[in-house]
Amino acid sequence: MRDTGVEVSIVIVNWNARDYLRDCLRSIRDNVSIAVETIVIDNASSDGSAAMVSGEFPGVALIANTANRGFAAANNQGIRAARGRYVLLLNPDTVVYKE
């Protein structure tokens, strides 16, 4: 694996959890101090989740599926896109706090 400078790739699969996802992404942005990339796979949400991610979190990689591919398939999409040394699968209802 080439050195991308990314320590951890955070993969979040989302389906209609916009408000939880917003809180999750804010907590990552505000509380994580190591080199991370965040990848959101949106499984065809109807609540505006994908638009929220692209509008409020331009540094987050968004994969917007046109159909709900399911949790496992969406995680695999994120893992394939990941560039980090490690991959963290995170649910959108998670809030990350500082140590």
N, C-alpha and C. Protein backbone atom coordinates (compact mmCIF):
# COMPACT_ATOMS: atom_id res chain seq x y z
N MET A 1 0.84 -1.19 0.00
CA MET A 1 0.00 0.00 0.00
C MET A 1 0.88 1.24 0.00
N ARG A 2 0.55 2.20 -0.83
CA ARG A 2 1.35 3.42 -0.88
C ARG A 2 1.01 4.31 0.31
N ASP A 3 1.96 5.16 0.66
CA ASP A 3 1.76 6.05 1.80
C ASP A 3 0.97 7.27 1.34
N THR A 4 -0.27 7.37 1.77
CA THR A 4 -1.13 8.49 1.38
C THR A 4 -1.16 9.58 2.44
N GLY A 5 -0.55 9.31 3.59
CA GLY A 5 -0.61 10.26 4.69
C GLY A 5 -1.87 10.13 5.52
N VAL A 6 -2.78 9.26 5.10
CA VAL A 6 -4.03 9.04 5.83
C VAL A 6 -3.83 7.87 6.78
N GLU A 7 -3.99 8.13 8.06
CA GLU A 7 -3.83 7.07 9.05
C GLU A 7 -5.05 6.16 9.10
N VAL A 8 -6.23 6.77 9.17
CA VAL A 8 -7.47 5.99 9.31
C VAL A 8 -8.50 6.48 8.30
N SER A 9 -9.10 5.54 7.61
CA SER A 9 -10.26 5.83 6.75
C SER A 9 -11.51 5.47 7.54
N ILE A 10 -12.39 6.45 7.73
CA ILE A 10 -13.63 6.23 8.45
C ILE A 10 -14.74 6.04 7.42
N VAL A 11 -15.36 4.87 7.44
CA VAL A 11 -16.41 4.53 6.49
C VAL A 11 -17.74 4.52 7.24
N ILE A 12 -18.68 5.34 6.76
CA ILE A 12 -20.00 5.45 7.38
C ILE A 12 -21.06 5.12 6.34
N VAL A 13 -21.84 4.10 6.61
CA VAL A 13 -22.97 3.76 5.75
C VAL A 13 -24.21 4.44 6.32
N ASN A 14 -24.91 5.15 5.46
CA ASN A 14 -26.07 5.92 5.90
C ASN A 14 -27.31 5.57 5.09
N TRP A 15 -28.44 5.52 5.80
CA TRP A 15 -29.74 5.41 5.14
C TRP A 15 -30.74 6.17 5.98
N ASN A 16 -31.16 7.33 5.49
CA ASN A 16 -32.18 8.16 6.13
C ASN A 16 -31.87 8.50 7.59
N ALA A 17 -30.62 8.83 7.87
CA ALA A 17 -30.22 9.21 9.23
C ALA A 17 -29.53 10.57 9.21
N ARG A 18 -30.06 11.50 8.40
CA ARG A 18 -29.41 12.79 8.16
C ARG A 18 -28.97 13.51 9.43
N ASP A 19 -29.85 13.65 10.39
CA ASP A 19 -29.51 14.43 11.58
C ASP A 19 -28.45 13.74 12.43
N TYR A 20 -28.55 12.41 12.57
CA TYR A 20 -27.50 11.66 13.26
C TYR A 20 -26.18 11.79 12.51
N LEU A 21 -26.25 11.66 11.20
CA LEU A 21 -25.05 11.74 10.38
C LEU A 21 -24.38 13.10 10.50
N ARG A 22 -25.15 14.16 10.50
CA ARG A 22 -24.59 15.51 10.68
C ARG A 22 -23.84 15.60 12.00
N ASP A 23 -24.45 15.12 13.08
CA ASP A 23 -23.77 15.15 14.38
C ASP A 23 -22.50 14.31 14.37
N CYS A 24 -22.55 13.16 13.73
CA CYS A 24 -21.39 12.29 13.63
C CYS A 24 -20.26 12.98 12.88
N LEU A 25 -20.56 13.55 11.72
CA LEU A 25 -19.53 14.20 10.92
C LEU A 25 -18.96 15.43 11.62
N ARG A 26 -19.79 16.19 12.30
CA ARG A 26 -19.29 17.33 13.08
C ARG A 26 -18.33 16.86 14.17
N SER A 27 -18.70 15.77 14.84
CA SER A 27 -17.85 15.29 15.93
C SER A 27 -16.50 14.80 15.40
N ILE A 28 -16.48 14.19 14.24
CA ILE A 28 -15.21 13.76 13.65
C ILE A 28 -14.38 14.99 13.29
N ARG A 29 -15.00 15.94 12.61
CA ARG A 29 -14.31 17.17 12.21
C ARG A 29 -13.74 17.92 13.41
N ASP A 30 -14.50 18.01 14.48
CA ASP A 30 -14.12 18.84 15.62
C ASP A 30 -13.24 18.14 16.65
N ASN A 31 -13.22 16.80 16.66
CA ASN A 31 -12.56 16.10 17.76
C ASN A 31 -11.46 15.13 17.37
N VAL A 32 -11.29 14.86 16.11
CA VAL A 32 -10.26 13.90 15.70
C VAL A 32 -9.03 14.67 15.24
N SER A 33 -7.89 14.32 15.84
CA SER A 33 -6.67 15.08 15.55
C SER A 33 -5.65 14.32 14.71
N ILE A 34 -5.92 13.07 14.37
CA ILE A 34 -5.00 12.34 13.50
C ILE A 34 -5.46 12.50 12.05
N ALA A 35 -4.60 12.09 11.12
CA ALA A 35 -4.92 12.21 9.69
C ALA A 35 -5.96 11.15 9.31
N VAL A 36 -7.18 11.61 9.04
CA VAL A 36 -8.25 10.69 8.65
C VAL A 36 -8.87 11.17 7.35
N GLU A 37 -9.49 10.24 6.67
CA GLU A 37 -10.42 10.57 5.59
C GLU A 37 -11.75 9.98 6.00
N THR A 38 -12.80 10.68 5.68
CA THR A 38 -14.14 10.20 6.00
C THR A 38 -14.87 9.94 4.70
N ILE A 39 -15.45 8.74 4.61
CA ILE A 39 -16.17 8.32 3.43
C ILE A 39 -17.59 7.96 3.86
N VAL A 40 -18.58 8.63 3.28
CA VAL A 40 -19.98 8.32 3.55
C VAL A 40 -20.56 7.63 2.33
N ILE A 41 -21.16 6.49 2.56
CA ILE A 41 -21.90 5.80 1.52
C ILE A 41 -23.37 5.97 1.85
N ASP A 42 -24.07 6.72 1.01
CA ASP A 42 -25.50 6.94 1.24
C ASP A 42 -26.29 5.97 0.39
N ASN A 43 -27.10 5.16 1.05
CA ASN A 43 -27.88 4.12 0.39
C ASN A 43 -29.24 4.63 -0.07
N ALA A 44 -29.22 5.63 -0.97
CA ALA A 44 -30.44 6.17 -1.57
C ALA A 44 -31.42 6.72 -0.54
N SER A 45 -30.90 7.49 0.40
CA SER A 45 -31.77 8.12 1.40
C SER A 45 -32.75 9.07 0.75
N SER A 46 -33.92 9.20 1.36
CA SER A 46 -34.94 10.12 0.87
C SER A 46 -35.06 11.35 1.78
N ASP A 47 -34.15 11.50 2.75
CA ASP A 47 -34.24 12.59 3.72
C ASP A 47 -33.24 13.72 3.47
N GLY A 48 -32.61 13.73 2.31
CA GLY A 48 -31.66 14.80 1.99
C GLY A 48 -30.27 14.59 2.57
N SER A 49 -29.97 13.39 3.01
CA SER A 49 -28.66 13.11 3.61
C SER A 49 -27.50 13.43 2.67
N ALA A 50 -27.59 12.97 1.43
CA ALA A 50 -26.49 13.17 0.49
C ALA A 50 -26.26 14.65 0.23
N ALA A 51 -27.33 15.41 0.04
CA ALA A 51 -27.21 16.85 -0.18
C ALA A 51 -26.60 17.54 1.04
N MET A 52 -26.97 17.10 2.24
CA MET A 52 -26.41 17.67 3.46
C MET A 52 -24.91 17.43 3.51
N VAL A 53 -24.48 16.20 3.22
CA VAL A 53 -23.05 15.89 3.26
C VAL A 53 -22.30 16.77 2.26
N SER A 54 -22.75 16.81 1.02
CA SER A 54 -22.02 17.58 0.02
C SER A 54 -22.08 19.09 0.29
N GLY A 55 -23.16 19.57 0.89
CA GLY A 55 -23.29 20.99 1.18
C GLY A 55 -22.56 21.45 2.42
N GLU A 56 -22.54 20.63 3.46
CA GLU A 56 -21.97 21.05 4.75
C GLU A 56 -20.59 20.47 5.04
N PHE A 57 -20.21 19.41 4.35
CA PHE A 57 -18.95 18.73 4.64
C PHE A 57 -18.19 18.45 3.34
N PRO A 58 -17.67 19.51 2.70
CA PRO A 58 -17.02 19.33 1.40
C PRO A 58 -15.78 18.44 1.45
N GLY A 59 -15.19 18.27 2.61
CA GLY A 59 -14.01 17.42 2.73
C GLY A 59 -14.32 15.94 2.88
N VAL A 60 -15.59 15.61 2.97
CA VAL A 60 -16.01 14.22 3.13
C VAL A 60 -16.27 13.62 1.75
N ALA A 61 -15.72 12.44 1.52
CA ALA A 61 -15.98 11.73 0.27
C ALA A 61 -17.37 11.11 0.35
N LEU A 62 -18.19 11.37 -0.65
CA LEU A 62 -19.56 10.88 -0.66
C LEU A 62 -19.75 9.94 -1.84
N ILE A 63 -20.24 8.76 -1.53
CA ILE A 63 -20.69 7.82 -2.55
C ILE A 63 -22.20 7.74 -2.39
N ALA A 64 -22.92 8.29 -3.36
CA ALA A 64 -24.38 8.35 -3.29
C ALA A 64 -24.96 7.26 -4.18
N ASN A 65 -25.40 6.18 -3.57
CA ASN A 65 -26.01 5.09 -4.32
C ASN A 65 -27.41 5.49 -4.78
N THR A 66 -27.80 5.01 -5.95
CA THR A 66 -29.14 5.30 -6.47
C THR A 66 -30.17 4.30 -5.97
N ALA A 67 -29.69 3.24 -5.33
CA ALA A 67 -30.57 2.24 -4.72
C ALA A 67 -29.92 1.80 -3.41
N ASN A 68 -30.74 1.30 -2.50
CA ASN A 68 -30.22 0.81 -1.23
C ASN A 68 -29.55 -0.54 -1.49
N ARG A 69 -28.22 -0.54 -1.44
CA ARG A 69 -27.46 -1.75 -1.74
C ARG A 69 -27.29 -2.64 -0.52
N GLY A 70 -27.72 -2.19 0.63
CA GLY A 70 -27.57 -2.96 1.85
C GLY A 70 -26.32 -2.57 2.60
N PHE A 71 -26.30 -2.92 3.88
CA PHE A 71 -25.23 -2.51 4.78
C PHE A 71 -23.88 -3.10 4.39
N ALA A 72 -23.83 -4.40 4.16
CA ALA A 72 -22.55 -5.05 3.86
C ALA A 72 -21.98 -4.56 2.54
N ALA A 73 -22.80 -4.50 1.49
CA ALA A 73 -22.31 -4.06 0.18
C ALA A 73 -21.82 -2.61 0.24
N ALA A 74 -22.53 -1.77 0.98
CA ALA A 74 -22.12 -0.37 1.09
C ALA A 74 -20.81 -0.25 1.87
N ASN A 75 -20.64 -1.02 2.93
CA ASN A 75 -19.36 -1.02 3.64
C ASN A 75 -18.24 -1.44 2.71
N ASN A 76 -18.48 -2.44 1.89
CA ASN A 76 -17.46 -2.89 0.94
C ASN A 76 -17.12 -1.79 -0.06
N GLN A 77 -18.10 -1.01 -0.50
CA GLN A 77 -17.83 0.13 -1.37
C GLN A 77 -16.87 1.10 -0.70
N GLY A 78 -17.15 1.41 0.56
CA GLY A 78 -16.30 2.34 1.30
C GLY A 78 -14.90 1.80 1.52
N ILE A 79 -14.80 0.53 1.83
CA ILE A 79 -13.49 -0.08 2.05
C ILE A 79 -12.67 -0.02 0.76
N ARG A 80 -13.30 -0.30 -0.38
CA ARG A 80 -12.58 -0.23 -1.66
C ARG A 80 -12.09 1.19 -1.95
N ALA A 81 -12.83 2.20 -1.52
CA ALA A 81 -12.44 3.59 -1.77
C ALA A 81 -11.41 4.10 -0.77
N ALA A 82 -11.25 3.40 0.33
CA ALA A 82 -10.39 3.86 1.43
C ALA A 82 -8.92 3.90 1.03
N ARG A 83 -8.22 4.94 1.53
CA ARG A 83 -6.80 5.09 1.27
C ARG A 83 -5.96 5.01 2.54
N GLY A 84 -6.60 4.87 3.68
CA GLY A 84 -5.90 4.90 4.95
C GLY A 84 -5.18 3.61 5.28
N ARG A 85 -4.28 3.73 6.23
CA ARG A 85 -3.56 2.55 6.74
C ARG A 85 -4.52 1.59 7.42
N TYR A 86 -5.50 2.15 8.12
CA TYR A 86 -6.52 1.37 8.81
C TYR A 86 -7.89 1.84 8.33
N VAL A 87 -8.90 0.98 8.50
CA VAL A 87 -10.27 1.33 8.16
C VAL A 87 -11.13 1.16 9.41
N LEU A 88 -11.94 2.17 9.70
CA LEU A 88 -12.88 2.14 10.81
C LEU A 88 -14.28 2.19 10.24
N LEU A 89 -15.08 1.18 10.51
CA LEU A 89 -16.49 1.18 10.11
C LEU A 89 -17.27 1.81 11.26
N LEU A 90 -17.97 2.90 10.96
CA LEU A 90 -18.64 3.68 12.00
C LEU A 90 -20.10 3.88 11.62
N ASN A 91 -20.98 3.71 12.58
CA ASN A 91 -22.41 3.95 12.34
C ASN A 91 -22.71 5.45 12.42
N PRO A 92 -23.69 5.93 11.67
CA PRO A 92 -23.96 7.37 11.65
C PRO A 92 -24.53 7.93 12.96
N ASP A 93 -24.96 7.08 13.86
CA ASP A 93 -25.47 7.58 15.13
C ASP A 93 -24.39 7.62 16.21
N THR A 94 -23.14 7.59 15.80
CA THR A 94 -22.00 7.66 16.71
C THR A 94 -21.51 9.09 16.82
N VAL A 95 -21.18 9.51 18.02
CA VAL A 95 -20.56 10.81 18.24
C VAL A 95 -19.19 10.56 18.84
N VAL A 96 -18.17 11.18 18.26
CA VAL A 96 -16.79 11.00 18.69
C VAL A 96 -16.41 12.15 19.62
N TYR A 97 -15.82 11.80 20.74
CA TYR A 97 -15.38 12.82 21.71
C TYR A 97 -13.87 12.85 21.77
N LYS A 98 -13.33 13.99 22.21
CA LYS A 98 -11.90 14.10 22.44
C LYS A 98 -11.52 13.21 23.59
N GLU A 99 -10.25 12.84 23.62
CA GLU A 99 -9.77 11.98 24.71
C GLU A 99 -9.82 12.69 26.03
